Amino acid sequence: KELGLRIVLHALQAAATPLAKVIEPVLSASVDFYVRVFVRVRSSRLAVQHSSLNAAFLFHCRSCDSFFVQPLTQTRKGAIGVA
């Protein structure tokens, strides 16, 4: 259920990014295959630039049930334009 919810949230952010908007999840509910998500939408070019920091690949081992998260991007200390 959590993985499906993360996929929906990523799809919402991907749709909001070209419009210079960023989403903030407020509440989510799931029952069986049904997912409902409530989000707050904000307009912020800086937040859109940093929205990729929340995206990552999730590697999951089926035999031992462990997982590893690999971020897609990361900030560099002292980089221009990074707070």
N, C-alpha and C. Protein backbone atom coordinates (compact mmCIF):
# COMPACT_ATOMS: atom_id res chain seq x y z
N LYS A 1 0.83 -1.20 0.00
CA LYS A 1 0.00 0.00 0.00
C LYS A 1 0.87 1.25 0.00
N GLU A 2 1.95 1.23 0.78
CA GLU A 2 2.80 2.41 0.86
C GLU A 2 3.48 2.69 -0.47
N LEU A 3 3.91 1.65 -1.16
CA LEU A 3 4.58 1.83 -2.43
C LEU A 3 3.63 2.44 -3.47
N GLY A 4 2.40 1.97 -3.50
CA GLY A 4 1.41 2.55 -4.42
C GLY A 4 1.15 4.01 -4.11
N LEU A 5 1.10 4.34 -2.84
CA LEU A 5 0.90 5.72 -2.44
C LEU A 5 2.06 6.60 -2.87
N ARG A 6 3.27 6.10 -2.74
CA ARG A 6 4.46 6.84 -3.17
C ARG A 6 4.46 7.06 -4.69
N ILE A 7 3.99 6.07 -5.43
CA ILE A 7 3.90 6.20 -6.88
C ILE A 7 2.91 7.30 -7.26
N VAL A 8 1.76 7.33 -6.59
CA VAL A 8 0.75 8.36 -6.86
C VAL A 8 1.30 9.74 -6.53
N LEU A 9 1.97 9.88 -5.39
CA LEU A 9 2.53 11.18 -5.00
C LEU A 9 3.60 11.64 -5.98
N HIS A 10 4.43 10.71 -6.46
CA HIS A 10 5.45 11.07 -7.44
C HIS A 10 4.80 11.52 -8.76
N ALA A 11 3.74 10.84 -9.17
CA ALA A 11 3.05 11.22 -10.40
C ALA A 11 2.42 12.61 -10.27
N LEU A 12 1.87 12.91 -9.09
CA LEU A 12 1.30 14.25 -8.87
C LEU A 12 2.38 15.32 -8.93
N GLN A 13 3.54 15.06 -8.31
CA GLN A 13 4.62 16.04 -8.33
C GLN A 13 5.16 16.20 -9.75
N ALA A 14 5.26 15.11 -10.50
CA ALA A 14 5.73 15.19 -11.88
C ALA A 14 4.78 16.01 -12.74
N ALA A 15 3.48 15.94 -12.48
CA ALA A 15 2.51 16.74 -13.22
C ALA A 15 2.54 18.20 -12.79
N ALA A 16 2.88 18.47 -11.54
CA ALA A 16 2.90 19.84 -11.02
C ALA A 16 4.17 20.60 -11.39
N THR A 17 5.27 19.88 -11.59
CA THR A 17 6.56 20.52 -11.84
C THR A 17 6.58 21.43 -13.07
N PRO A 18 6.05 21.03 -14.24
CA PRO A 18 6.07 21.94 -15.39
C PRO A 18 5.26 23.22 -15.17
N LEU A 19 4.36 23.20 -14.20
CA LEU A 19 3.54 24.37 -13.90
C LEU A 19 4.16 25.24 -12.82
N ALA A 20 5.39 24.94 -12.42
CA ALA A 20 6.12 25.65 -11.37
C ALA A 20 5.38 25.58 -10.04
N LYS A 21 4.84 24.41 -9.75
CA LYS A 21 4.13 24.19 -8.50
C LYS A 21 4.72 22.97 -7.81
N VAL A 22 4.57 22.93 -6.51
CA VAL A 22 5.06 21.81 -5.72
C VAL A 22 3.92 21.33 -4.83
N ILE A 23 3.85 20.00 -4.61
CA ILE A 23 2.78 19.46 -3.77
C ILE A 23 3.32 19.12 -2.40
N GLU A 24 2.45 19.20 -1.41
CA GLU A 24 2.78 18.83 -0.03
C GLU A 24 1.69 17.88 0.46
N PRO A 25 2.00 16.62 0.68
CA PRO A 25 0.98 15.67 1.15
C PRO A 25 0.44 16.08 2.52
N VAL A 26 -0.86 16.05 2.65
CA VAL A 26 -1.50 16.41 3.92
C VAL A 26 -2.08 15.16 4.58
N LEU A 27 -2.79 14.34 3.80
CA LEU A 27 -3.46 13.17 4.34
C LEU A 27 -3.61 12.13 3.24
N SER A 28 -3.49 10.87 3.60
CA SER A 28 -3.72 9.81 2.63
C SER A 28 -4.50 8.69 3.30
N ALA A 29 -5.32 8.02 2.50
CA ALA A 29 -6.09 6.88 3.00
C ALA A 29 -6.12 5.82 1.91
N SER A 30 -6.03 4.56 2.31
CA SER A 30 -6.08 3.48 1.33
C SER A 30 -6.90 2.32 1.89
N VAL A 31 -7.71 1.76 1.01
CA VAL A 31 -8.50 0.58 1.33
C VAL A 31 -8.42 -0.33 0.11
N ASP A 32 -7.93 -1.56 0.32
CA ASP A 32 -7.74 -2.52 -0.77
C ASP A 32 -6.89 -1.90 -1.88
N PHE A 33 -7.46 -1.70 -3.06
CA PHE A 33 -6.73 -1.14 -4.19
C PHE A 33 -7.02 0.35 -4.37
N TYR A 34 -7.81 0.95 -3.50
CA TYR A 34 -8.26 2.33 -3.62
C TYR A 34 -7.38 3.24 -2.77
N VAL A 35 -6.90 4.33 -3.36
CA VAL A 35 -6.06 5.29 -2.64
C VAL A 35 -6.64 6.67 -2.80
N ARG A 36 -6.74 7.41 -1.71
CA ARG A 36 -7.18 8.80 -1.75
C ARG A 36 -6.10 9.65 -1.10
N VAL A 37 -5.71 10.73 -1.78
CA VAL A 37 -4.62 11.58 -1.32
C VAL A 37 -5.10 13.02 -1.28
N PHE A 38 -4.83 13.69 -0.18
CA PHE A 38 -5.11 15.12 -0.05
C PHE A 38 -3.78 15.84 -0.02
N VAL A 39 -3.60 16.79 -0.93
CA VAL A 39 -2.33 17.52 -1.01
C VAL A 39 -2.59 19.02 -1.00
N ARG A 40 -1.57 19.74 -0.57
CA ARG A 40 -1.57 21.20 -0.63
C ARG A 40 -0.66 21.58 -1.80
N VAL A 41 -1.12 22.45 -2.67
CA VAL A 41 -0.35 22.87 -3.84
C VAL A 41 0.15 24.29 -3.62
N ARG A 42 1.48 24.46 -3.78
CA ARG A 42 2.09 25.78 -3.61
C ARG A 42 2.84 26.17 -4.88
N SER A 43 2.92 27.46 -5.14
CA SER A 43 3.71 27.98 -6.25
C SER A 43 5.04 28.47 -5.71
N SER A 44 6.12 27.82 -6.12
CA SER A 44 7.45 28.20 -5.65
C SER A 44 8.49 27.62 -6.60
N ARG A 45 9.16 28.48 -7.34
CA ARG A 45 10.18 28.01 -8.29
C ARG A 45 11.35 27.35 -7.56
N LEU A 46 11.75 27.90 -6.42
CA LEU A 46 12.86 27.32 -5.67
C LEU A 46 12.49 25.93 -5.15
N ALA A 47 11.27 25.78 -4.65
CA ALA A 47 10.83 24.48 -4.15
C ALA A 47 10.74 23.46 -5.29
N VAL A 48 10.36 23.91 -6.48
CA VAL A 48 10.31 23.01 -7.64
C VAL A 48 11.71 22.53 -7.99
N GLN A 49 12.70 23.42 -7.91
CA GLN A 49 14.07 23.05 -8.21
C GLN A 49 14.59 22.00 -7.23
N HIS A 50 14.11 22.05 -5.99
CA HIS A 50 14.56 21.11 -4.97
C HIS A 50 13.62 19.91 -4.81
N SER A 51 12.57 19.83 -5.62
CA SER A 51 11.61 18.73 -5.48
C SER A 51 12.23 17.38 -5.85
N SER A 52 13.26 17.38 -6.68
CA SER A 52 13.89 16.11 -7.04
C SER A 52 14.66 15.50 -5.87
N LEU A 53 14.91 16.29 -4.81
CA LEU A 53 15.59 15.75 -3.63
C LEU A 53 14.72 14.73 -2.90
N ASN A 54 13.41 14.78 -3.14
CA ASN A 54 12.49 13.85 -2.47
C ASN A 54 12.28 12.56 -3.26
N ALA A 55 12.84 12.47 -4.46
CA ALA A 55 12.65 11.28 -5.29
C ALA A 55 13.82 10.32 -5.12
N ALA A 56 13.53 9.03 -5.17
CA ALA A 56 14.57 8.02 -5.01
C ALA A 56 14.13 6.70 -5.63
N PHE A 57 15.11 5.84 -5.91
CA PHE A 57 14.83 4.48 -6.31
C PHE A 57 14.78 3.62 -5.06
N LEU A 58 13.86 2.67 -5.04
CA LEU A 58 13.73 1.75 -3.91
C LEU A 58 14.05 0.35 -4.40
N PHE A 59 15.11 -0.24 -3.85
CA PHE A 59 15.49 -1.60 -4.18
C PHE A 59 15.04 -2.51 -3.05
N HIS A 60 14.28 -3.55 -3.40
CA HIS A 60 13.68 -4.42 -2.40
C HIS A 60 14.08 -5.86 -2.66
N CYS A 61 14.55 -6.55 -1.64
CA CYS A 61 14.92 -7.96 -1.74
C CYS A 61 13.72 -8.81 -1.34
N ARG A 62 13.27 -9.66 -2.25
CA ARG A 62 12.11 -10.50 -1.97
C ARG A 62 12.42 -11.63 -0.99
N SER A 63 13.66 -12.12 -0.99
CA SER A 63 13.97 -13.26 -0.14
C SER A 63 14.16 -12.86 1.33
N CYS A 64 14.84 -11.74 1.59
CA CYS A 64 15.08 -11.37 2.99
C CYS A 64 14.25 -10.17 3.44
N ASP A 65 13.46 -9.59 2.53
CA ASP A 65 12.55 -8.49 2.82
C ASP A 65 13.26 -7.20 3.25
N SER A 66 14.54 -7.06 2.94
CA SER A 66 15.24 -5.82 3.23
C SER A 66 15.12 -4.89 2.03
N PHE A 67 15.42 -3.61 2.24
CA PHE A 67 15.34 -2.65 1.15
C PHE A 67 16.46 -1.63 1.25
N PHE A 68 16.73 -0.97 0.13
CA PHE A 68 17.75 0.06 0.05
C PHE A 68 17.18 1.22 -0.75
N VAL A 69 17.34 2.43 -0.26
CA VAL A 69 16.85 3.63 -0.93
C VAL A 69 18.03 4.38 -1.52
N GLN A 70 17.97 4.65 -2.83
CA GLN A 70 19.03 5.40 -3.51
C GLN A 70 18.44 6.71 -4.02
N PRO A 71 18.82 7.84 -3.42
CA PRO A 71 18.30 9.14 -3.87
C PRO A 71 18.69 9.43 -5.32
N LEU A 72 17.81 10.11 -6.04
CA LEU A 72 18.11 10.49 -7.42
C LEU A 72 19.08 11.66 -7.49
N THR A 73 18.95 12.59 -6.56
CA THR A 73 19.82 13.76 -6.54
C THR A 73 20.24 14.06 -5.11
N GLN A 74 21.27 14.85 -4.97
CA GLN A 74 21.69 15.32 -3.65
C GLN A 74 22.35 16.67 -3.81
N THR A 75 22.37 17.43 -2.75
CA THR A 75 22.99 18.76 -2.80
C THR A 75 24.45 18.65 -2.44
N ARG A 76 25.24 19.55 -3.00
CA ARG A 76 26.65 19.62 -2.67
C ARG A 76 26.86 20.81 -1.74
N LYS A 77 27.66 20.62 -0.73
CA LYS A 77 27.96 21.69 0.20
C LYS A 77 28.76 22.78 -0.53
N GLY A 78 28.31 24.02 -0.41
CA GLY A 78 28.98 25.14 -1.04
C GLY A 78 28.60 25.37 -2.48
N ALA A 79 27.60 24.63 -3.00
CA ALA A 79 27.18 24.81 -4.39
C ALA A 79 26.42 26.12 -4.53
N ILE A 80 26.52 26.74 -5.68
CA ILE A 80 25.85 28.01 -5.93
C ILE A 80 24.35 27.79 -6.01
N GLY A 81 23.59 28.63 -5.32
CA GLY A 81 22.14 28.56 -5.35
C GLY A 81 21.54 27.53 -4.42
N VAL A 82 22.35 26.86 -3.63
CA VAL A 82 21.84 25.86 -2.68
C VAL A 82 21.94 26.43 -1.29
N ALA A 83 20.84 26.41 -0.58
CA ALA A 83 20.82 26.97 0.77
C ALA A 83 21.34 25.97 1.78
